[in-house]
Amino acid sequence: MAALKAMAHGLPAVITDVVGNCDVVENEKTGFLYEEGEALGAAQSLCRLVDFPDIQKEFVKNVHNHAREQHGISTIFPKSYAILEALC
């Protein structure tokens, strides 16, 4: 949820490539995913955002729309409701 909240405010994510995170972040479009335990990968990703302002600007353009369109309440609620309905 933290990544989604940050993205909703226009912040690209640099997070580990694990279940949940990789469902939220489109690698090299809305942020960077790095392998769990790879501090160097995390550092390199952060440096890319700082050293290449064009990448950062592109990500910022992408993240707000992505968070709303793919993970907003109007998208998530019907999916969640369908899952709950199937369980009952």
PDB file of N, CA and C in Angstrom:
ATOM      1  N   MET A   1       0.815  -1.201   0.000  1.00  0.00           N
ATOM      2  CA  MET A   1       0.000   0.000   0.000  1.00  0.00           C
ATOM      3  C   MET A   1       0.854   1.258   0.000  1.00  0.00           C
ATOM      4  N   ALA A   2       2.007   1.208   0.653  1.00  0.00           N
ATOM      5  CA  ALA A   2       2.855   2.400   0.712  1.00  0.00           C
ATOM      6  C   ALA A   2       3.306   2.812  -0.687  1.00  0.00           C
ATOM      7  N   ALA A   3       3.668   1.829  -1.503  1.00  0.00           N
ATOM      8  CA  ALA A   3       4.104   2.146  -2.869  1.00  0.00           C
ATOM      9  C   ALA A   3       2.963   2.782  -3.652  1.00  0.00           C
ATOM     10  N   LEU A   4       1.756   2.251  -3.507  1.00  0.00           N
ATOM     11  CA  LEU A   4       0.600   2.818  -4.214  1.00  0.00           C
ATOM     12  C   LEU A   4       0.317   4.246  -3.765  1.00  0.00           C
ATOM     13  N   LYS A   5       0.413   4.483  -2.476  1.00  0.00           N
ATOM     14  CA  LYS A   5       0.170   5.833  -1.967  1.00  0.00           C
ATOM     15  C   LYS A   5       1.213   6.805  -2.502  1.00  0.00           C
ATOM     16  N   ALA A   6       2.470   6.378  -2.499  1.00  0.00           N
ATOM     17  CA  ALA A   6       3.531   7.233  -3.040  1.00  0.00           C
ATOM     18  C   ALA A   6       3.289   7.501  -4.522  1.00  0.00           C
ATOM     19  N   MET A   7       2.932   6.469  -5.260  1.00  0.00           N
ATOM     20  CA  MET A   7       2.693   6.614  -6.690  1.00  0.00           C
ATOM     21  C   MET A   7       1.510   7.531  -6.963  1.00  0.00           C
ATOM     22  N   ALA A   8       0.487   7.458  -6.128  1.00  0.00           N
ATOM     23  CA  ALA A   8      -0.681   8.330  -6.297  1.00  0.00           C
ATOM     24  C   ALA A   8      -0.302   9.803  -6.148  1.00  0.00           C
ATOM     25  N   HIS A   9       0.811  10.043  -5.451  1.00  0.00           N
ATOM     26  CA  HIS A   9       1.307  11.416  -5.282  1.00  0.00           C
ATOM     27  C   HIS A   9       2.414  11.749  -6.282  1.00  0.00           C
ATOM     28  N   GLY A  10       2.614  10.860  -7.267  1.00  0.00           N
ATOM     29  CA  GLY A  10       3.576  11.141  -8.329  1.00  0.00           C
ATOM     30  C   GLY A  10       4.999  10.734  -8.048  1.00  0.00           C
ATOM     31  N   LEU A  11       5.210   9.876  -7.058  1.00  0.00           N
ATOM     32  CA  LEU A  11       6.569   9.441  -6.730  1.00  0.00           C
ATOM     33  C   LEU A  11       6.859   8.057  -7.304  1.00  0.00           C
ATOM     34  N   PRO A  12       7.921   7.935  -8.100  1.00  0.00           N
ATOM     35  CA  PRO A  12       8.293   6.616  -8.602  1.00  0.00           C
ATOM     36  C   PRO A  12       8.799   5.743  -7.457  1.00  0.00           C
ATOM     37  N   ALA A  13       8.622   4.455  -7.581  1.00  0.00           N
ATOM     38  CA  ALA A  13       9.032   3.523  -6.538  1.00  0.00           C
ATOM     39  C   ALA A  13      10.342   2.836  -6.902  1.00  0.00           C
ATOM     40  N   VAL A  14      11.152   2.593  -5.897  1.00  0.00           N
ATOM     41  CA  VAL A  14      12.332   1.737  -6.013  1.00  0.00           C
ATOM     42  C   VAL A  14      12.171   0.720  -4.893  1.00  0.00           C
ATOM     43  N   ILE A  15      11.702  -0.480  -5.272  1.00  0.00           N
ATOM     44  CA  ILE A  15      11.368  -1.490  -4.270  1.00  0.00           C
ATOM     45  C   ILE A  15      11.769  -2.890  -4.736  1.00  0.00           C
ATOM     46  N   THR A  16      11.777  -3.808  -3.784  1.00  0.00           N
ATOM     47  CA  THR A  16      12.190  -5.179  -4.087  1.00  0.00           C
ATOM     48  C   THR A  16      11.183  -5.859  -5.009  1.00  0.00           C
ATOM     49  N   ASP A  17      11.697  -6.744  -5.828  1.00  0.00           N
ATOM     50  CA  ASP A  17      10.894  -7.498  -6.788  1.00  0.00           C
ATOM     51  C   ASP A  17      10.326  -8.731  -6.094  1.00  0.00           C
ATOM     52  N   VAL A  18       9.274  -8.515  -5.318  1.00  0.00           N
ATOM     53  CA  VAL A  18       8.593  -9.598  -4.612  1.00  0.00           C
ATOM     54  C   VAL A  18       7.099  -9.502  -4.898  1.00  0.00           C
ATOM     55  N   VAL A  19       6.375 -10.570  -4.568  1.00  0.00           N
ATOM     56  CA  VAL A  19       4.929 -10.590  -4.775  1.00  0.00           C
ATOM     57  C   VAL A  19       4.314  -9.374  -4.101  1.00  0.00           C
ATOM     58  N   GLY A  20       3.406  -8.760  -4.768  1.00  0.00           N
ATOM     59  CA  GLY A  20       2.773  -7.537  -4.271  1.00  0.00           C
ATOM     60  C   GLY A  20       3.429  -6.318  -4.899  1.00  0.00           C
ATOM     61  N   ASN A  21       4.726  -6.178  -4.676  1.00  0.00           N
ATOM     62  CA  ASN A  21       5.445  -5.043  -5.266  1.00  0.00           C
ATOM     63  C   ASN A  21       5.450  -5.131  -6.785  1.00  0.00           C
ATOM     64  N   CYS A  22       5.732  -6.323  -7.304  1.00  0.00           N
ATOM     65  CA  CYS A  22       5.805  -6.465  -8.764  1.00  0.00           C
ATOM     66  C   CYS A  22       4.412  -6.401  -9.392  1.00  0.00           C
ATOM     67  N   ASP A  23       3.372  -6.517  -8.579  1.00  0.00           N
ATOM     68  CA  ASP A  23       2.012  -6.340  -9.076  1.00  0.00           C
ATOM     69  C   ASP A  23       1.652  -4.868  -9.191  1.00  0.00           C
ATOM     70  N   VAL A  24       2.378  -4.032  -8.481  1.00  0.00           N
ATOM     71  CA  VAL A  24       2.085  -2.603  -8.418  1.00  0.00           C
ATOM     72  C   VAL A  24       2.991  -1.793  -9.344  1.00  0.00           C
ATOM     73  N   VAL A  25       4.271  -2.107  -9.352  1.00  0.00           N
ATOM     74  CA  VAL A  25       5.258  -1.331 -10.104  1.00  0.00           C
ATOM     75  C   VAL A  25       5.551  -1.990 -11.443  1.00  0.00           C
ATOM     76  N   GLU A  26       5.478  -1.200 -12.495  1.00  0.00           N
ATOM     77  CA  GLU A  26       5.917  -1.659 -13.814  1.00  0.00           C
ATOM     78  C   GLU A  26       7.383  -1.269 -13.941  1.00  0.00           C
ATOM     79  N   ASN A  27       8.256  -2.280 -13.882  1.00  0.00           N
ATOM     80  CA  ASN A  27       9.688  -2.023 -13.871  1.00  0.00           C
ATOM     81  C   ASN A  27      10.115  -1.175 -15.074  1.00  0.00           C
ATOM     82  N   GLU A  28      10.855  -0.135 -14.768  1.00  0.00           N
ATOM     83  CA  GLU A  28      11.387   0.822 -15.735  1.00  0.00           C
ATOM     84  C   GLU A  28      10.304   1.621 -16.464  1.00  0.00           C
ATOM     85  N   LYS A  29       9.108   1.648 -15.886  1.00  0.00           N
ATOM     86  CA  LYS A  29       8.047   2.513 -16.408  1.00  0.00           C
ATOM     87  C   LYS A  29       7.471   3.379 -15.291  1.00  0.00           C
ATOM     88  N   THR A  30       7.193   2.754 -14.158  1.00  0.00           N
ATOM     89  CA  THR A  30       6.681   3.508 -13.012  1.00  0.00           C
ATOM     90  C   THR A  30       7.633   3.447 -11.824  1.00  0.00           C
ATOM     91  N   GLY A  31       8.756   2.810 -12.017  1.00  0.00           N
ATOM     92  CA  GLY A  31       9.754   2.687 -10.954  1.00  0.00           C
ATOM     93  C   GLY A  31      10.740   1.592 -11.299  1.00  0.00           C
ATOM     94  N   PHE A  32      11.517   1.234 -10.304  1.00  0.00           N
ATOM     95  CA  PHE A  32      12.499   0.161 -10.481  1.00  0.00           C
ATOM     96  C   PHE A  32      12.255  -0.938  -9.470  1.00  0.00           C
ATOM     97  N   LEU A  33      12.336  -2.166  -9.931  1.00  0.00           N
ATOM     98  CA  LEU A  33      12.300  -3.330  -9.063  1.00  0.00           C
ATOM     99  C   LEU A  33      13.711  -3.904  -9.011  1.00  0.00           C
ATOM    100  N   TYR A  34      14.157  -4.258  -7.819  1.00  0.00           N
ATOM    101  CA  TYR A  34      15.467  -4.887  -7.679  1.00  0.00           C
ATOM    102  C   TYR A  34      15.316  -6.162  -6.863  1.00  0.00           C
ATOM    103  N   GLU A  35      16.260  -7.069  -7.047  1.00  0.00           N
ATOM    104  CA  GLU A  35      16.194  -8.364  -6.374  1.00  0.00           C
ATOM    105  C   GLU A  35      16.330  -8.202  -4.860  1.00  0.00           C
ATOM    106  N   GLU A  36      15.552  -8.983  -4.125  1.00  0.00           N
ATOM    107  CA  GLU A  36      15.582  -8.952  -2.674  1.00  0.00           C
ATOM    108  C   GLU A  36      17.002  -9.207  -2.167  1.00  0.00           C
ATOM    109  N   GLY A  37      17.449  -8.400  -1.245  1.00  0.00           N
ATOM    110  CA  GLY A  37      18.779  -8.550  -0.669  1.00  0.00           C
ATOM    111  C   GLY A  37      19.889  -7.908  -1.481  1.00  0.00           C
ATOM    112  N   GLU A  38      19.549  -7.313  -2.607  1.00  0.00           N
ATOM    113  CA  GLU A  38      20.548  -6.699  -3.490  1.00  0.00           C
ATOM    114  C   GLU A  38      20.623  -5.190  -3.237  1.00  0.00           C
ATOM    115  N   ALA A  39      21.366  -4.822  -2.227  1.00  0.00           N
ATOM    116  CA  ALA A  39      21.512  -3.406  -1.883  1.00  0.00           C
ATOM    117  C   ALA A  39      22.125  -2.630  -3.039  1.00  0.00           C
ATOM    118  N   LEU A  40      23.036  -3.248  -3.770  1.00  0.00           N
ATOM    119  CA  LEU A  40      23.658  -2.572  -4.908  1.00  0.00           C
ATOM    120  C   LEU A  40      22.612  -2.258  -5.978  1.00  0.00           C
ATOM    121  N   GLY A  41      21.702  -3.191  -6.224  1.00  0.00           N
ATOM    122  CA  GLY A  41      20.630  -2.955  -7.194  1.00  0.00           C
ATOM    123  C   GLY A  41      19.741  -1.796  -6.782  1.00  0.00           C
ATOM    124  N   ALA A  42      19.448  -1.717  -5.496  1.00  0.00           N
ATOM    125  CA  ALA A  42      18.637  -0.608  -4.987  1.00  0.00           C
ATOM    126  C   ALA A  42      19.381   0.710  -5.167  1.00  0.00           C
ATOM    127  N   ALA A  43      20.657   0.717  -4.810  1.00  0.00           N
ATOM    128  CA  ALA A  43      21.459   1.936  -4.929  1.00  0.00           C
ATOM    129  C   ALA A  43      21.582   2.373  -6.389  1.00  0.00           C
ATOM    130  N   GLN A  44      21.806   1.433  -7.287  1.00  0.00           N
ATOM    131  CA  GLN A  44      21.926   1.763  -8.710  1.00  0.00           C
ATOM    132  C   GLN A  44      20.623   2.358  -9.246  1.00  0.00           C
ATOM    133  N   SER A  45      19.512   1.801  -8.817  1.00  0.00           N
ATOM    134  CA  SER A  45      18.218   2.313  -9.257  1.00  0.00           C
ATOM    135  C   SER A  45      17.987   3.735  -8.762  1.00  0.00           C
ATOM    136  N   LEU A  46      18.290   3.982  -7.509  1.00  0.00           N
ATOM    137  CA  LEU A  46      18.146   5.330  -6.960  1.00  0.00           C
ATOM    138  C   LEU A  46      19.058   6.310  -7.689  1.00  0.00           C
ATOM    139  N   CYS A  47      20.281   5.881  -7.975  1.00  0.00           N
ATOM    140  CA  CYS A  47      21.219   6.747  -8.703  1.00  0.00           C
ATOM    141  C   CYS A  47      20.705   7.061 -10.105  1.00  0.00           C
ATOM    142  N   ARG A  48      20.075   6.091 -10.751  1.00  0.00           N
ATOM    143  CA  ARG A  48      19.521   6.350 -12.087  1.00  0.00           C
ATOM    144  C   ARG A  48      18.465   7.441 -12.034  1.00  0.00           C
ATOM    145  N   LEU A  49      17.630   7.419 -11.000  1.00  0.00           N
ATOM    146  CA  LEU A  49      16.605   8.459 -10.866  1.00  0.00           C
ATOM    147  C   LEU A  49      17.230   9.834 -10.654  1.00  0.00           C
ATOM    148  N   VAL A  50      18.309   9.877  -9.887  1.00  0.00           N
ATOM    149  CA  VAL A  50      18.967  11.145  -9.593  1.00  0.00           C
ATOM    150  C   VAL A  50      19.809  11.616 -10.780  1.00  0.00           C
ATOM    151  N   ASP A  51      20.555  10.701 -11.377  1.00  0.00           N
ATOM    152  CA  ASP A  51      21.503  11.065 -12.435  1.00  0.00           C
ATOM    153  C   ASP A  51      20.849  11.319 -13.795  1.00  0.00           C
ATOM    154  N   PHE A  52      19.663  10.784 -13.987  1.00  0.00           N
ATOM    155  CA  PHE A  52      18.994  10.920 -15.287  1.00  0.00           C
ATOM    156  C   PHE A  52      17.612  11.547 -15.095  1.00  0.00           C
ATOM    157  N   PRO A  53      17.555  12.868 -15.048  1.00  0.00           N
ATOM    158  CA  PRO A  53      16.279  13.556 -14.802  1.00  0.00           C
ATOM    159  C   PRO A  53      15.191  13.208 -15.812  1.00  0.00           C
ATOM    160  N   ASP A  54      15.581  12.859 -17.036  1.00  0.00           N
ATOM    161  CA  ASP A  54      14.574  12.486 -18.034  1.00  0.00           C
ATOM    162  C   ASP A  54      13.834  11.214 -17.626  1.00  0.00           C
ATOM    163  N   ILE A  55      14.566  10.263 -17.056  1.00  0.00           N
ATOM    164  CA  ILE A  55      13.931   9.030 -16.569  1.00  0.00           C
ATOM    165  C   ILE A  55      12.971   9.371 -15.442  1.00  0.00           C
ATOM    166  N   GLN A  56      13.438  10.198 -14.524  1.00  0.00           N
ATOM    167  CA  GLN A  56      12.596  10.589 -13.399  1.00  0.00           C
ATOM    168  C   GLN A  56      11.328  11.282 -13.883  1.00  0.00           C
ATOM    169  N   LYS A  57      11.459  12.202 -14.821  1.00  0.00           N
ATOM    170  CA  LYS A  57      10.291  12.925 -15.345  1.00  0.00           C
ATOM    171  C   LYS A  57       9.311  11.971 -16.018  1.00  0.00           C
ATOM    172  N   GLU A  58       9.835  11.016 -16.766  1.00  0.00           N
ATOM    173  CA  GLU A  58       8.978  10.030 -17.442  1.00  0.00           C
ATOM    174  C   GLU A  58       8.225   9.180 -16.422  1.00  0.00           C
ATOM    175  N   PHE A  59       8.929   8.719 -15.396  1.00  0.00           N
ATOM    176  CA  PHE A  59       8.295   7.919 -14.349  1.00  0.00           C
ATOM    177  C   PHE A  59       7.206   8.715 -13.639  1.00  0.00           C
ATOM    178  N   VAL A  60       7.511   9.969 -13.322  1.00  0.00           N
ATOM    179  CA  VAL A  60       6.534  10.809 -12.622  1.00  0.00           C
ATOM    180  C   VAL A  60       5.270  10.954 -13.463  1.00  0.00           C
ATOM    181  N   LYS A  61       5.444  11.115 -14.777  1.00  0.00           N
ATOM    182  CA  LYS A  61       4.286  11.190 -15.675  1.00  0.00           C
ATOM    183  C   LYS A  61       3.464   9.911 -15.610  1.00  0.00           C
ATOM    184  N   ASN A  62       4.146   8.790 -15.544  1.00  0.00           N
ATOM    185  CA  ASN A  62       3.472   7.488 -15.593  1.00  0.00           C
ATOM    186  C   ASN A  62       2.820   7.058 -14.284  1.00  0.00           C
ATOM    187  N   VAL A  63       3.436   7.379 -13.150  1.00  0.00           N
ATOM    188  CA  VAL A  63       2.995   6.785 -11.891  1.00  0.00           C
ATOM    189  C   VAL A  63       1.611   7.225 -11.442  1.00  0.00           C
ATOM    190  N   HIS A  64       1.302   8.472 -11.577  1.00  0.00           N
ATOM    191  CA  HIS A  64       0.011   8.955 -11.089  1.00  0.00           C
ATOM    192  C   HIS A  64      -1.129   8.260 -11.833  1.00  0.00           C
ATOM    193  N   ASN A  65      -1.052   8.241 -13.137  1.00  0.00           N
ATOM    194  CA  ASN A  65      -2.099   7.588 -13.926  1.00  0.00           C
ATOM    195  C   ASN A  65      -2.157   6.092 -13.660  1.00  0.00           C
ATOM    196  N   HIS A  66      -1.003   5.476 -13.556  1.00  0.00           N
ATOM    197  CA  HIS A  66      -0.953   4.033 -13.309  1.00  0.00           C
ATOM    198  C   HIS A  66      -1.625   3.686 -11.978  1.00  0.00           C
ATOM    199  N   ALA A  67      -1.301   4.429 -10.945  1.00  0.00           N
ATOM    200  CA  ALA A  67      -1.878   4.153  -9.621  1.00  0.00           C
ATOM    201  C   ALA A  67      -3.394   4.285  -9.653  1.00  0.00           C
ATOM    202  N   ARG A  68      -3.888   5.327 -10.291  1.00  0.00           N
ATOM    203  CA  ARG A  68      -5.339   5.532 -10.348  1.00  0.00           C
ATOM    204  C   ARG A  68      -6.040   4.522 -11.256  1.00  0.00           C
ATOM    205  N   GLU A  69      -5.491   4.293 -12.441  1.00  0.00           N
ATOM    206  CA  GLU A  69      -6.151   3.423 -13.419  1.00  0.00           C
ATOM    207  C   GLU A  69      -6.078   1.953 -13.047  1.00  0.00           C
ATOM    208  N   GLN A  70      -4.946   1.512 -12.553  1.00  0.00           N
ATOM    209  CA  GLN A  70      -4.757   0.088 -12.272  1.00  0.00           C
ATOM    210  C   GLN A  70      -5.106  -0.311 -10.839  1.00  0.00           C
ATOM    211  N   HIS A  71      -5.015   0.641  -9.901  1.00  0.00           N
ATOM    212  CA  HIS A  71      -5.166   0.282  -8.495  1.00  0.00           C
ATOM    213  C   HIS A  71      -6.097   1.213  -7.729  1.00  0.00           C
ATOM    214  N   GLY A  72      -6.858   2.032  -8.441  1.00  0.00           N
ATOM    215  CA  GLY A  72      -7.806   2.927  -7.794  1.00  0.00           C
ATOM    216  C   GLY A  72      -9.027   2.170  -7.298  1.00  0.00           C
ATOM    217  N   ILE A  73      -9.803   2.812  -6.472  1.00  0.00           N
ATOM    218  CA  ILE A  73     -10.968   2.171  -5.855  1.00  0.00           C
ATOM    219  C   ILE A  73     -11.967   1.680  -6.894  1.00  0.00           C
ATOM    220  N   SER A  74     -12.125   2.421  -7.992  1.00  0.00           N
ATOM    221  CA  SER A  74     -13.105   2.002  -9.003  1.00  0.00           C
ATOM    222  C   SER A  74     -12.653   0.738  -9.735  1.00  0.00           C
ATOM    223  N   THR A  75     -11.378   0.435  -9.685  1.00  0.00           N
ATOM    224  CA  THR A  75     -10.862  -0.790 -10.294  1.00  0.00           C
ATOM    225  C   THR A  75     -10.799  -1.917  -9.274  1.00  0.00           C
ATOM    226  N   ILE A  76     -10.297  -1.620  -8.090  1.00  0.00           N
ATOM    227  CA  ILE A  76     -10.065  -2.645  -7.068  1.00  0.00           C
ATOM    228  C   ILE A  76     -11.370  -3.133  -6.433  1.00  0.00           C
ATOM    229  N   PHE A  77     -12.307  -2.231  -6.178  1.00  0.00           N
ATOM    230  CA  PHE A  77     -13.528  -2.633  -5.481  1.00  0.00           C
ATOM    231  C   PHE A  77     -14.289  -3.733  -6.221  1.00  0.00           C
ATOM    232  N   PRO A  78     -14.563  -3.589  -7.512  1.00  0.00           N
ATOM    233  CA  PRO A  78     -15.299  -4.663  -8.197  1.00  0.00           C
ATOM    234  C   PRO A  78     -14.551  -6.006  -8.177  1.00  0.00           C
ATOM    235  N   LYS A  79     -13.243  -5.963  -8.294  1.00  0.00           N
ATOM    236  CA  LYS A  79     -12.456  -7.206  -8.246  1.00  0.00           C
ATOM    237  C   LYS A  79     -12.536  -7.840  -6.865  1.00  0.00           C
ATOM    238  N   SER A  80     -12.397  -7.014  -5.837  1.00  0.00           N
ATOM    239  CA  SER A  80     -12.462  -7.521  -4.463  1.00  0.00           C
ATOM    240  C   SER A  80     -13.848  -8.064  -4.155  1.00  0.00           C
ATOM    241  N   TYR A  81     -14.867  -7.362  -4.594  1.00  0.00           N
ATOM    242  CA  TYR A  81     -16.244  -7.792  -4.355  1.00  0.00           C
ATOM    243  C   TYR A  81     -16.490  -9.134  -5.033  1.00  0.00           C
ATOM    244  N   ALA A  82     -16.012  -9.307  -6.249  1.00  0.00           N
ATOM    245  CA  ALA A  82     -16.201 -10.565  -6.966  1.00  0.00           C
ATOM    246  C   ALA A  82     -15.530 -11.723  -6.242  1.00  0.00           C
ATOM    247  N   ILE A  83     -14.361 -11.479  -5.693  1.00  0.00           N
ATOM    248  CA  ILE A  83     -13.660 -12.525  -4.940  1.00  0.00           C
ATOM    249  C   ILE A  83     -14.440 -12.893  -3.698  1.00  0.00           C
ATOM    250  N   LEU A  84     -14.897 -11.896  -2.956  1.00  0.00           N
ATOM    251  CA  LEU A  84     -15.672 -12.153  -1.742  1.00  0.00           C
ATOM    252  C   LEU A  84     -16.990 -12.855  -2.047  1.00  0.00           C
ATOM    253  N   GLU A  85     -17.636 -12.440  -3.116  1.00  0.00           N
ATOM    254  CA  GLU A  85     -18.896 -13.060  -3.513  1.00  0.00           C
ATOM    255  C   GLU A  85     -18.688 -14.540  -3.875  1.00  0.00           C
ATOM    256  N   ALA A  86     -17.605 -14.840  -4.526  1.00  0.00           N
ATOM    257  CA  ALA A  86     -17.315 -16.234  -4.895  1.00  0.00           C
ATOM    258  C   ALA A  86     -17.045 -17.103  -3.679  1.00  0.00           C
ATOM    259  N   LEU A  87     -16.553 -16.505  -2.612  1.00  0.00           N
ATOM    260  CA  LEU A  87     -16.254 -17.249  -1.399  1.00  0.00           C
ATOM    261  C   LEU A  87     -17.495 -17.543  -0.558  1.00  0.00           C
ATOM    262  N   CYS A  88     -18.528 -16.746  -0.748  1.00  0.00           N
ATOM    263  CA  CYS A  88     -19.738 -16.893   0.091  1.00  0.00           C
ATOM    264  C   CYS A  88     -20.732 -17.849  -0.484  1.00  0.00           C
TER     265      CYS A  88
END
